[in-house]
């Protein structure tokens, strides 16, 4: 069992990318992480890592240890899932990845309710500004928007969601209301810089007709909350998800524009690796999340 523990520890160090980050994740000091690595190397009789003050890199033996060790840990986790699949109550650790805005607004509250119902569960929620690799970062589940391009992962639709164009009444009174997508080229548009999508290109579809509009404006951000705040303050036209602006549309602080046009799919999915398909804790969590999100998102639409 010491060997299994060492494998898990070594995999975590490499996943974090530095001894300091690994120490922070484990809640220990950096010297203690370095000491344990040295103990593993002494036990194995080989050097696993090349260390500098800022970086770590795998030796040939370290690469062999990590590659095969990760496979062993994965097979062990799969075995445990099979053995415990008949248990009525889910238990254990789940590592969850989601975006900052949606994660704060919906995933964090859902997790709180989930662990209240299933107190033997442990959830680690990691929020990022863009999707990360589940396999490389060792996440059990990711919450994703729009199409899921990677065929190697499973995806389950949690809730339908649209992207909408909107602006405040004050902005529309001052600058006029766009009647067609091409009109946006003459408006102040607030652009969200996210992922690797083309900056400032808004794609519209109505039936078989499509338009791509290059929009511009004085304001842009990589944070959706900042973009929405500027729109509410009358700074320009914005594209946001229906889950985020439902309340503002309902109370009139934002007005829907170009409602007959559709924007790219923004449905919300739970994605997970194929090897986790039999996990009762994952299946229970996704079922719970689906019900919870439909209730909370629909209240905002």
C-alpha atoms as a PDB file:
ATOM      1  CA  UNK A   1       0.000   0.000   0.000  1.00  0.00           C
ATOM      2  CA  UNK A   2       2.952   2.331   0.498  1.00  0.00           C
ATOM      3  CA  UNK A   3       3.653   1.941  -3.206  1.00  0.00           C
ATOM      4  CA  UNK A   4       0.092   2.918  -4.137  1.00  0.00           C
ATOM      5  CA  UNK A   5       0.263   5.919  -1.802  1.00  0.00           C
ATOM      6  CA  UNK A   6       3.583   6.971  -3.327  1.00  0.00           C
ATOM      7  CA  UNK A   7       2.153   6.675  -6.846  1.00  0.00           C
ATOM      8  CA  UNK A   8      -0.804   8.899  -5.961  1.00  0.00           C
ATOM      9  CA  UNK A   9       1.509  11.424  -4.309  1.00  0.00           C
ATOM     10  CA  UNK A  10       3.877  11.511  -7.287  1.00  0.00           C
ATOM     11  CA  UNK A  11       1.003  11.884  -9.756  1.00  0.00           C
ATOM     12  CA  UNK A  12      -0.357  14.820  -7.738  1.00  0.00           C
ATOM     13  CA  UNK A  13       3.052  16.544  -7.733  1.00  0.00           C
ATOM     14  CA  UNK A  14       3.347  16.258 -11.518  1.00  0.00           C
ATOM     15  CA  UNK A  15      -0.259  17.349 -12.034  1.00  0.00           C
ATOM     16  CA  UNK A  16       0.347  20.488  -9.963  1.00  0.00           C
ATOM     17  CA  UNK A  17       3.572  21.229 -11.835  1.00  0.00           C
ATOM     18  CA  UNK A  18       5.705  22.327  -8.897  1.00  0.00           C
ATOM     19  CA  UNK A  19       6.575  21.306  -5.363  1.00  0.00           C
ATOM     20  CA  UNK A  20       5.100  24.534  -4.005  1.00  0.00           C
ATOM     21  CA  UNK A  21       1.766  24.005  -5.783  1.00  0.00           C
ATOM     22  CA  UNK A  22       1.669  20.384  -4.608  1.00  0.00           C
ATOM     23  CA  UNK A  23       2.335  21.483  -1.033  1.00  0.00           C
ATOM     24  CA  UNK A  24      -0.462  24.037  -1.256  1.00  0.00           C
ATOM     25  CA  UNK A  25      -2.860  21.378  -2.572  1.00  0.00           C
ATOM     26  CA  UNK A  26      -1.914  18.962   0.229  1.00  0.00           C
ATOM     27  CA  UNK A  27      -1.905  21.611   2.938  1.00  0.00           C
ATOM     28  CA  UNK A  28       1.705  20.951   3.938  1.00  0.00           C
ATOM     29  CA  UNK A  29       5.037  22.748   3.571  1.00  0.00           C
ATOM     30  CA  UNK A  30       7.181  22.629   0.447  1.00  0.00           C
ATOM     31  CA  UNK A  31      10.141  21.079   2.329  1.00  0.00           C
ATOM     32  CA  UNK A  32       7.889  18.218   3.461  1.00  0.00           C
ATOM     33  CA  UNK A  33       6.927  17.511  -0.162  1.00  0.00           C
ATOM     34  CA  UNK A  34      10.578  17.572  -1.179  1.00  0.00           C
ATOM     35  CA  UNK A  35      11.441  15.238   1.714  1.00  0.00           C
ATOM     36  CA  UNK A  36       8.817  12.698   0.716  1.00  0.00           C
ATOM     37  CA  UNK A  37       9.975  12.740  -2.903  1.00  0.00           C
ATOM     38  CA  UNK A  38      13.485  12.027  -1.715  1.00  0.00           C
ATOM     39  CA  UNK A  39      12.203   9.124   0.393  1.00  0.00           C
ATOM     40  CA  UNK A  40      10.405   7.623  -2.633  1.00  0.00           C
ATOM     41  CA  UNK A  41      13.535   7.936  -4.739  1.00  0.00           C
ATOM     42  CA  UNK A  42      15.617   6.254  -2.038  1.00  0.00           C
ATOM     43  CA  UNK A  43      13.115   3.416  -1.774  1.00  0.00           C
ATOM     44  CA  UNK A  44      13.131   2.874  -5.535  1.00  0.00           C
ATOM     45  CA  UNK A  45      16.856   3.475  -5.900  1.00  0.00           C
ATOM     46  CA  UNK A  46      16.408   5.835  -8.877  1.00  0.00           C
ATOM     47  CA  UNK A  47      16.036   9.581  -9.471  1.00  0.00           C
ATOM     48  CA  UNK A  48      12.512  10.450 -10.625  1.00  0.00           C
ATOM     49  CA  UNK A  49      12.773  14.217 -11.033  1.00  0.00           C
ATOM     50  CA  UNK A  50      15.250  16.837 -12.091  1.00  0.00           C
ATOM     51  CA  UNK A  51      14.741  19.804  -9.758  1.00  0.00           C
ATOM     52  CA  UNK A  52      15.673  23.459 -10.041  1.00  0.00           C
ATOM     53  CA  UNK A  53      14.541  26.356  -7.857  1.00  0.00           C
ATOM     54  CA  UNK A  54      11.590  26.999 -10.171  1.00  0.00           C
ATOM     55  CA  UNK A  55      10.955  23.902 -12.268  1.00  0.00           C
ATOM     56  CA  UNK A  56      10.704  20.142 -12.094  1.00  0.00           C
ATOM     57  CA  UNK A  57      11.048  17.710 -14.983  1.00  0.00           C
ATOM     58  CA  UNK A  58      10.817  13.950 -15.297  1.00  0.00           C
ATOM     59  CA  UNK A  59      13.817  11.725 -15.690  1.00  0.00           C
ATOM     60  CA  UNK A  60      13.470   8.660 -17.914  1.00  0.00           C
ATOM     61  CA  UNK A  61      12.700   6.573 -14.827  1.00  0.00           C
ATOM     62  CA  UNK A  62      10.274   9.215 -13.572  1.00  0.00           C
ATOM     63  CA  UNK A  63       8.379   9.193 -16.849  1.00  0.00           C
ATOM     64  CA  UNK A  64       8.101   5.397 -16.685  1.00  0.00           C
ATOM     65  CA  UNK A  65       6.931   5.552 -13.065  1.00  0.00           C
ATOM     66  CA  UNK A  66       4.327   8.243 -13.807  1.00  0.00           C
ATOM     67  CA  UNK A  67       2.933   6.688 -16.998  1.00  0.00           C
ATOM     68  CA  UNK A  68       2.482   3.199 -15.621  1.00  0.00           C
ATOM     69  CA  UNK A  69       1.591   4.449 -12.162  1.00  0.00           C
ATOM     70  CA  UNK A  70      -1.280   6.544 -13.516  1.00  0.00           C
ATOM     71  CA  UNK A  71      -2.626   3.491 -15.321  1.00  0.00           C
ATOM     72  CA  UNK A  72      -2.438   1.426 -12.119  1.00  0.00           C
ATOM     73  CA  UNK A  73      -4.226   4.119 -10.102  1.00  0.00           C
ATOM     74  CA  UNK A  74      -6.922   4.373 -12.761  1.00  0.00           C
ATOM     75  CA  UNK A  75      -7.452   0.594 -12.754  1.00  0.00           C
ATOM     76  CA  UNK A  76      -7.596   0.585  -8.955  1.00  0.00           C
ATOM     77  CA  UNK A  77     -10.207   3.341  -8.955  1.00  0.00           C
ATOM     78  CA  UNK A  78     -12.239   1.432 -11.542  1.00  0.00           C
ATOM     79  CA  UNK A  79     -12.042  -1.726  -9.416  1.00  0.00           C
ATOM     80  CA  UNK A  80     -13.284   0.162  -6.373  1.00  0.00           C
ATOM     81  CA  UNK A  81     -16.161   1.572  -8.406  1.00  0.00           C
ATOM     82  CA  UNK A  82     -17.211  -1.922  -9.446  1.00  0.00           C
ATOM     83  CA  UNK A  83     -16.959  -3.271  -5.899  1.00  0.00           C
ATOM     84  CA  UNK A  84     -18.983  -0.422  -4.394  1.00  0.00           C
ATOM     85  CA  UNK A  85     -21.519  -0.061  -7.226  1.00  0.00           C
ATOM     86  CA  UNK A  86     -24.203  -1.832  -5.223  1.00  0.00           C
ATOM     87  CA  UNK A  87     -23.994   0.573  -2.284  1.00  0.00           C
ATOM     88  CA  UNK A  88     -27.143   2.614  -1.783  1.00  0.00           C
ATOM     89  CA  UNK A  89     -25.334   5.687  -0.462  1.00  0.00           C
ATOM     90  CA  UNK A  90     -22.586   7.292  -2.576  1.00  0.00           C
ATOM     91  CA  UNK A  91     -19.354   8.136  -0.806  1.00  0.00           C
ATOM     92  CA  UNK A  92     -15.818   9.228  -1.619  1.00  0.00           C
ATOM     93  CA  UNK A  93     -14.143  12.114  -3.425  1.00  0.00           C
ATOM     94  CA  UNK A  94     -15.250  13.888  -6.598  1.00  0.00           C
ATOM     95  CA  UNK A  95     -13.153  16.596  -8.258  1.00  0.00           C
ATOM     96  CA  UNK A  96     -15.335  19.040 -10.216  1.00  0.00           C
ATOM     97  CA  UNK A  97     -14.316  21.712 -12.744  1.00  0.00           C
ATOM     98  CA  UNK A  98     -16.565  24.594 -13.835  1.00  0.00           C
ATOM     99  CA  UNK A  99     -16.333  28.165 -15.091  1.00  0.00           C
ATOM    100  CA  UNK A 100     -16.074  31.047 -12.628  1.00  0.00           C
ATOM    101  CA  UNK A 101     -19.459  32.683 -13.207  1.00  0.00           C
ATOM    102  CA  UNK A 102     -21.654  29.608 -13.530  1.00  0.00           C
ATOM    103  CA  UNK A 103     -19.634  27.763 -10.929  1.00  0.00           C
ATOM    104  CA  UNK A 104     -20.175  30.452  -8.306  1.00  0.00           C
ATOM    105  CA  UNK A 105     -23.837  31.024  -9.136  1.00  0.00           C
ATOM    106  CA  UNK A 106     -25.059  27.452  -9.566  1.00  0.00           C
ATOM    107  CA  UNK A 107     -22.490  24.683  -9.080  1.00  0.00           C
ATOM    108  CA  UNK A 108     -21.254  25.774  -5.629  1.00  0.00           C
ATOM    109  CA  UNK A 109     -24.797  26.000  -4.158  1.00  0.00           C
ATOM    110  CA  UNK A 110     -25.702  22.655  -5.747  1.00  0.00           C
ATOM    111  CA  UNK A 111     -22.618  21.028  -4.206  1.00  0.00           C
ATOM    112  CA  UNK A 112     -23.546  22.420  -0.794  1.00  0.00           C
ATOM    113  CA  UNK A 113     -27.005  20.863  -1.056  1.00  0.00           C
ATOM    114  CA  UNK A 114     -25.515  17.592  -2.350  1.00  0.00           C
ATOM    115  CA  UNK A 115     -23.123  17.068   0.562  1.00  0.00           C
ATOM    116  CA  UNK A 116     -25.903  17.921   2.987  1.00  0.00           C
ATOM    117  CA  UNK A 117     -27.906  15.039   1.523  1.00  0.00           C
ATOM    118  CA  UNK A 118     -24.890  12.723   1.182  1.00  0.00           C
ATOM    119  CA  UNK A 119     -22.579  13.554   4.099  1.00  0.00           C
ATOM    120  CA  UNK A 120     -20.069  10.800   3.257  1.00  0.00           C
ATOM    121  CA  UNK A 121     -19.209  12.567  -0.023  1.00  0.00           C
ATOM    122  CA  UNK A 122     -16.242  14.919  -0.410  1.00  0.00           C
ATOM    123  CA  UNK A 123     -16.268  17.451  -3.256  1.00  0.00           C
ATOM    124  CA  UNK A 124     -13.367  19.541  -4.541  1.00  0.00           C
ATOM    125  CA  UNK A 125     -14.625  22.370  -6.793  1.00  0.00           C
ATOM    126  CA  UNK A 126     -12.029  24.025  -9.026  1.00  0.00           C
ATOM    127  CA  UNK A 127     -13.149  27.088 -11.018  1.00  0.00           C
ATOM    128  CA  UNK A 128     -11.266  28.185 -14.136  1.00  0.00           C
ATOM    129  CA  UNK A 129     -11.728  30.823 -16.826  1.00  0.00           C
ATOM    130  CA  UNK A 130     -11.654  28.173 -19.557  1.00  0.00           C
ATOM    131  CA  UNK A 131     -12.216  24.400 -19.834  1.00  0.00           C
ATOM    132  CA  UNK A 132      -9.325  22.172 -18.799  1.00  0.00           C
ATOM    133  CA  UNK A 133      -8.399  18.594 -19.674  1.00  0.00           C
ATOM    134  CA  UNK A 134     -10.202  16.224 -17.325  1.00  0.00           C
ATOM    135  CA  UNK A 135      -7.597  13.534 -17.815  1.00  0.00           C
ATOM    136  CA  UNK A 136      -4.498  15.699 -17.444  1.00  0.00           C
ATOM    137  CA  UNK A 137      -5.856  17.558 -14.401  1.00  0.00           C
ATOM    138  CA  UNK A 138      -7.476  14.447 -12.872  1.00  0.00           C
ATOM    139  CA  UNK A 139     -11.004  15.856 -12.676  1.00  0.00           C
ATOM    140  CA  UNK A 140     -13.917  13.453 -12.415  1.00  0.00           C
ATOM    141  CA  UNK A 141     -16.443  15.793 -13.986  1.00  0.00           C
ATOM    142  CA  UNK A 142     -16.491  19.086 -15.885  1.00  0.00           C
ATOM    143  CA  UNK A 143     -19.376  21.485 -16.517  1.00  0.00           C
ATOM    144  CA  UNK A 144     -19.260  22.682 -20.118  1.00  0.00           C
ATOM    145  CA  UNK A 145     -21.230  25.046 -22.352  1.00  0.00           C
ATOM    146  CA  UNK A 146     -22.059  24.382 -25.984  1.00  0.00           C
ATOM    147  CA  UNK A 147     -20.987  21.491 -28.171  1.00  0.00           C
ATOM    148  CA  UNK A 148     -18.635  18.889 -26.707  1.00  0.00           C
ATOM    149  CA  UNK A 149     -15.956  18.309 -29.376  1.00  0.00           C
ATOM    150  CA  UNK A 150     -13.912  15.571 -27.695  1.00  0.00           C
ATOM    151  CA  UNK A 151     -15.235  12.116 -28.586  1.00  0.00           C
ATOM    152  CA  UNK A 152     -13.157  10.522 -25.820  1.00  0.00           C
ATOM    153  CA  UNK A 153     -15.406  11.852 -23.080  1.00  0.00           C
ATOM    154  CA  UNK A 154     -19.043  11.225 -22.238  1.00  0.00           C
ATOM    155  CA  UNK A 155     -21.467  14.119 -22.031  1.00  0.00           C
ATOM    156  CA  UNK A 156     -24.888  14.420 -20.487  1.00  0.00           C
ATOM    157  CA  UNK A 157     -27.160  17.393 -21.080  1.00  0.00           C
ATOM    158  CA  UNK A 158     -28.028  19.052 -17.776  1.00  0.00           C
ATOM    159  CA  UNK A 159     -30.127  21.984 -18.946  1.00  0.00           C
ATOM    160  CA  UNK A 160     -30.838  23.808 -22.189  1.00  0.00           C
ATOM    161  CA  UNK A 161     -29.489  27.336 -22.432  1.00  0.00           C
ATOM    162  CA  UNK A 162     -29.380  30.094 -25.055  1.00  0.00           C
ATOM    163  CA  UNK A 163     -27.033  32.966 -25.717  1.00  0.00           C
ATOM    164  CA  UNK A 164     -28.931  36.238 -26.099  1.00  0.00           C
ATOM    165  CA  UNK A 165     -28.147  39.749 -27.334  1.00  0.00           C
ATOM    166  CA  UNK A 166     -29.259  42.499 -24.984  1.00  0.00           C
ATOM    167  CA  UNK A 167     -28.686  46.075 -23.838  1.00  0.00           C
ATOM    168  CA  UNK A 168     -30.042  48.434 -21.209  1.00  0.00           C
ATOM    169  CA  UNK A 169     -32.987  50.752 -21.956  1.00  0.00           C
ATOM    170  CA  UNK A 170     -30.711  53.752 -21.321  1.00  0.00           C
ATOM    171  CA  UNK A 171     -28.241  52.632 -23.984  1.00  0.00           C
ATOM    172  CA  UNK A 172     -31.010  51.913 -26.520  1.00  0.00           C
ATOM    173  CA  UNK A 173     -32.602  55.329 -25.883  1.00  0.00           C
ATOM    174  CA  UNK A 174     -29.239  56.998 -26.461  1.00  0.00           C
ATOM    175  CA  UNK A 175     -27.986  54.942 -29.423  1.00  0.00           C
ATOM    176  CA  UNK A 176     -31.052  53.337 -31.002  1.00  0.00           C
ATOM    177  CA  UNK A 177     -32.139  49.704 -31.337  1.00  0.00           C
ATOM    178  CA  UNK A 178     -30.396  47.387 -33.834  1.00  0.00           C
ATOM    179  CA  UNK A 179     -32.919  45.777 -36.182  1.00  0.00           C
ATOM    180  CA  UNK A 180     -30.579  43.274 -37.860  1.00  0.00           C
ATOM    181  CA  UNK A 181     -27.227  41.684 -36.922  1.00  0.00           C
ATOM    182  CA  UNK A 182     -25.298  43.920 -39.351  1.00  0.00           C
ATOM    183  CA  UNK A 183     -26.514  46.977 -37.413  1.00  0.00           C
ATOM    184  CA  UNK A 184     -24.309  45.901 -34.501  1.00  0.00           C
ATOM    185  CA  UNK A 185     -21.232  46.996 -36.436  1.00  0.00           C
ATOM    186  CA  UNK A 186     -22.338  50.588 -35.752  1.00  0.00           C
ATOM    187  CA  UNK A 187     -22.972  50.042 -32.036  1.00  0.00           C
ATOM    188  CA  UNK A 188     -20.792  49.951 -28.942  1.00  0.00           C
ATOM    189  CA  UNK A 189     -20.507  46.241 -28.220  1.00  0.00           C
ATOM    190  CA  UNK A 190     -19.005  44.853 -25.038  1.00  0.00           C
ATOM    191  CA  UNK A 191     -16.946  41.796 -25.925  1.00  0.00           C
ATOM    192  CA  UNK A 192     -16.100  38.843 -23.732  1.00  0.00           C
ATOM    193  CA  UNK A 193     -12.643  37.459 -24.461  1.00  0.00           C
ATOM    194  CA  UNK A 194     -12.883  33.739 -23.737  1.00  0.00           C
ATOM    195  CA  UNK A 195     -11.320  30.447 -24.810  1.00  0.00           C
ATOM    196  CA  UNK A 196      -9.680  30.566 -28.225  1.00  0.00           C
ATOM    197  CA  UNK A 197     -12.660  31.843 -30.207  1.00  0.00           C
ATOM    198  CA  UNK A 198     -12.181  34.643 -32.701  1.00  0.00           C
ATOM    199  CA  UNK A 199     -12.288  37.911 -30.793  1.00  0.00           C
ATOM    200  CA  UNK A 200     -15.306  40.096 -31.521  1.00  0.00           C
ATOM    201  CA  UNK A 201     -16.954  37.826 -34.126  1.00  0.00           C
ATOM    202  CA  UNK A 202     -20.624  37.260 -33.305  1.00  0.00           C
ATOM    203  CA  UNK A 203     -22.321  34.446 -35.248  1.00  0.00           C
ATOM    204  CA  UNK A 204     -26.057  34.646 -35.989  1.00  0.00           C
ATOM    205  CA  UNK A 205     -28.395  32.083 -37.535  1.00  0.00           C
ATOM    206  CA  UNK A 206     -32.021  32.336 -38.667  1.00  0.00           C
ATOM    207  CA  UNK A 207     -33.290  29.307 -40.533  1.00  0.00           C
ATOM    208  CA  UNK A 208     -30.753  28.667 -43.291  1.00  0.00           C
ATOM    209  CA  UNK A 209     -29.448  32.215 -43.234  1.00  0.00           C
ATOM    210  CA  UNK A 210     -26.315  33.008 -41.249  1.00  0.00           C
ATOM    211  CA  UNK A 211     -24.370  36.198 -40.570  1.00  0.00           C
ATOM    212  CA  UNK A 212     -21.037  36.872 -38.904  1.00  0.00           C
ATOM    213  CA  UNK A 213     -20.652  40.384 -37.545  1.00  0.00           C
ATOM    214  CA  UNK A 214     -17.335  41.870 -36.468  1.00  0.00           C
ATOM    215  CA  UNK A 215     -18.255  43.985 -33.467  1.00  0.00           C
ATOM    216  CA  UNK A 216     -16.234  46.648 -31.683  1.00  0.00           C
ATOM    217  CA  UNK A 217     -16.461  48.764 -28.586  1.00  0.00           C
ATOM    218  CA  UNK A 218     -14.439  50.552 -25.946  1.00  0.00           C
ATOM    219  CA  UNK A 219     -14.877  47.797 -23.365  1.00  0.00           C
ATOM    220  CA  UNK A 220     -13.896  44.127 -23.285  1.00  0.00           C
ATOM    221  CA  UNK A 221     -13.020  41.649 -20.560  1.00  0.00           C
ATOM    222  CA  UNK A 222     -12.298  37.993 -19.896  1.00  0.00           C
ATOM    223  CA  UNK A 223     -14.784  38.094 -17.000  1.00  0.00           C
ATOM    224  CA  UNK A 224     -18.474  37.604 -17.724  1.00  0.00           C
ATOM    225  CA  UNK A 225     -19.613  39.376 -14.568  1.00  0.00           C
ATOM    226  CA  UNK A 226     -17.715  42.526 -15.535  1.00  0.00           C
ATOM    227  CA  UNK A 227     -19.187  42.449 -19.036  1.00  0.00           C
ATOM    228  CA  UNK A 228     -22.716  42.099 -17.661  1.00  0.00           C
ATOM    229  CA  UNK A 229     -22.215  44.933 -15.187  1.00  0.00           C
ATOM    230  CA  UNK A 230     -21.122  47.281 -17.975  1.00  0.00           C
ATOM    231  CA  UNK A 231     -24.206  46.354 -19.990  1.00  0.00           C
ATOM    232  CA  UNK A 232     -26.455  47.076 -17.003  1.00  0.00           C
ATOM    233  CA  UNK A 233     -24.733  50.461 -16.657  1.00  0.00           C
ATOM    234  CA  UNK A 234     -25.624  51.315 -20.262  1.00  0.00           C
ATOM    235  CA  UNK A 235     -22.159  50.966 -21.781  1.00  0.00           C
ATOM    236  CA  UNK A 236     -23.196  48.911 -24.795  1.00  0.00           C
ATOM    237  CA  UNK A 237     -24.657  45.769 -26.346  1.00  0.00           C
ATOM    238  CA  UNK A 238     -23.664  42.388 -24.932  1.00  0.00           C
ATOM    239  CA  UNK A 239     -24.134  38.661 -25.561  1.00  0.00           C
ATOM    240  CA  UNK A 240     -24.785  36.671 -22.376  1.00  0.00           C
ATOM    241  CA  UNK A 241     -26.266  33.325 -21.431  1.00  0.00           C
ATOM    242  CA  UNK A 242     -29.947  33.073 -20.629  1.00  0.00           C
ATOM    243  CA  UNK A 243     -29.190  31.675 -17.152  1.00  0.00           C
ATOM    244  CA  UNK A 244     -27.286  34.853 -16.274  1.00  0.00           C
ATOM    245  CA  UNK A 245     -29.622  37.559 -17.573  1.00  0.00           C
ATOM    246  CA  UNK A 246     -33.049  36.015 -16.978  1.00  0.00           C
ATOM    247  CA  UNK A 247     -33.752  38.226 -13.967  1.00  0.00           C
ATOM    248  CA  UNK A 248     -32.571  41.375 -15.774  1.00  0.00           C
ATOM    249  CA  UNK A 249     -34.805  40.654 -18.775  1.00  0.00           C
ATOM    250  CA  UNK A 250     -37.738  39.957 -16.487  1.00  0.00           C
ATOM    251  CA  UNK A 251     -37.412  43.203 -14.508  1.00  0.00           C
ATOM    252  CA  UNK A 252     -36.599  45.333 -17.561  1.00  0.00           C
ATOM    253  CA  UNK A 253     -33.072  46.378 -16.654  1.00  0.00           C
ATOM    254  CA  UNK A 254     -31.987  44.704 -19.906  1.00  0.00           C
ATOM    255  CA  UNK A 255     -33.914  44.372 -23.153  1.00  0.00           C
ATOM    256  CA  UNK A 256     -33.696  41.433 -25.546  1.00  0.00           C
ATOM    257  CA  UNK A 257     -32.450  42.312 -29.037  1.00  0.00           C
ATOM    258  CA  UNK A 258     -32.649  40.389 -32.325  1.00  0.00           C
ATOM    259  CA  UNK A 259     -34.778  37.699 -30.694  1.00  0.00           C
ATOM    260  CA  UNK A 260     -35.558  36.025 -34.012  1.00  0.00           C
ATOM    261  CA  UNK A 261     -31.861  35.242 -34.503  1.00  0.00           C
ATOM    262  CA  UNK A 262     -30.045  32.376 -32.782  1.00  0.00           C
ATOM    263  CA  UNK A 263     -26.455  32.389 -31.550  1.00  0.00           C
ATOM    264  CA  UNK A 264     -24.150  29.365 -31.106  1.00  0.00           C
ATOM    265  CA  UNK A 265     -25.358  26.572 -28.850  1.00  0.00           C
ATOM    266  CA  UNK A 266     -24.809  27.215 -25.131  1.00  0.00           C
ATOM    267  CA  UNK A 267     -26.492  24.157 -23.612  1.00  0.00           C
ATOM    268  CA  UNK A 268     -24.972  23.056 -20.309  1.00  0.00           C
ATOM    269  CA  UNK A 269     -23.397  19.590 -20.093  1.00  0.00           C
ATOM    270  CA  UNK A 270     -21.728  17.395 -17.520  1.00  0.00           C
ATOM    271  CA  UNK A 271     -18.712  15.739 -19.139  1.00  0.00           C
ATOM    272  CA  UNK A 272     -16.709  12.856 -17.725  1.00  0.00           C
ATOM    273  CA  UNK A 273     -14.197  10.257 -18.855  1.00  0.00           C
ATOM    274  CA  UNK A 274     -15.368   6.891 -20.145  1.00  0.00           C
ATOM    275  CA  UNK A 275     -13.732   4.987 -17.295  1.00  0.00           C
ATOM    276  CA  UNK A 276     -15.977   6.727 -14.750  1.00  0.00           C
ATOM    277  CA  UNK A 277     -19.244   5.624 -16.363  1.00  0.00           C
ATOM    278  CA  UNK A 278     -19.940   2.962 -13.677  1.00  0.00           C
ATOM    279  CA  UNK A 279     -19.193   5.163 -10.679  1.00  0.00           C
ATOM    280  CA  UNK A 280     -22.257   5.355  -8.399  1.00  0.00           C
ATOM    281  CA  UNK A 281     -21.030   8.561  -6.759  1.00  0.00           C
ATOM    282  CA  UNK A 282     -20.616  10.256 -10.153  1.00  0.00           C
ATOM    283  CA  UNK A 283     -23.957   9.013 -11.442  1.00  0.00           C
ATOM    284  CA  UNK A 284     -25.730  10.185  -8.282  1.00  0.00           C
ATOM    285  CA  UNK A 285     -24.034  13.588  -8.436  1.00  0.00           C
ATOM    286  CA  UNK A 286     -24.961  14.157 -12.104  1.00  0.00           C
ATOM    287  CA  UNK A 287     -28.580  13.128 -11.463  1.00  0.00           C
ATOM    288  CA  UNK A 288     -28.739  15.542  -8.531  1.00  0.00           C
ATOM    289  CA  UNK A 289     -27.070  18.331 -10.508  1.00  0.00           C
ATOM    290  CA  UNK A 290     -29.460  17.918 -13.446  1.00  0.00           C
ATOM    291  CA  UNK A 291     -32.549  18.335 -11.243  1.00  0.00           C
ATOM    292  CA  UNK A 292     -31.025  21.199  -9.275  1.00  0.00           C
ATOM    293  CA  UNK A 293     -29.902  23.174 -12.333  1.00  0.00           C
ATOM    294  CA  UNK A 294     -33.215  22.818 -14.135  1.00  0.00           C
ATOM    295  CA  UNK A 295     -34.936  24.261 -11.093  1.00  0.00           C
ATOM    296  CA  UNK A 296     -32.514  27.144 -10.545  1.00  0.00           C
ATOM    297  CA  UNK A 297     -31.927  28.092 -14.186  1.00  0.00           C
ATOM    298  CA  UNK A 298     -35.606  27.955 -15.100  1.00  0.00           C
ATOM    299  CA  UNK A 299     -36.364  30.422 -12.292  1.00  0.00           C
ATOM    300  CA  UNK A 300     -34.152  32.950 -14.096  1.00  0.00           C
ATOM    301  CA  UNK A 301     -35.748  32.493 -17.541  1.00  0.00           C
END
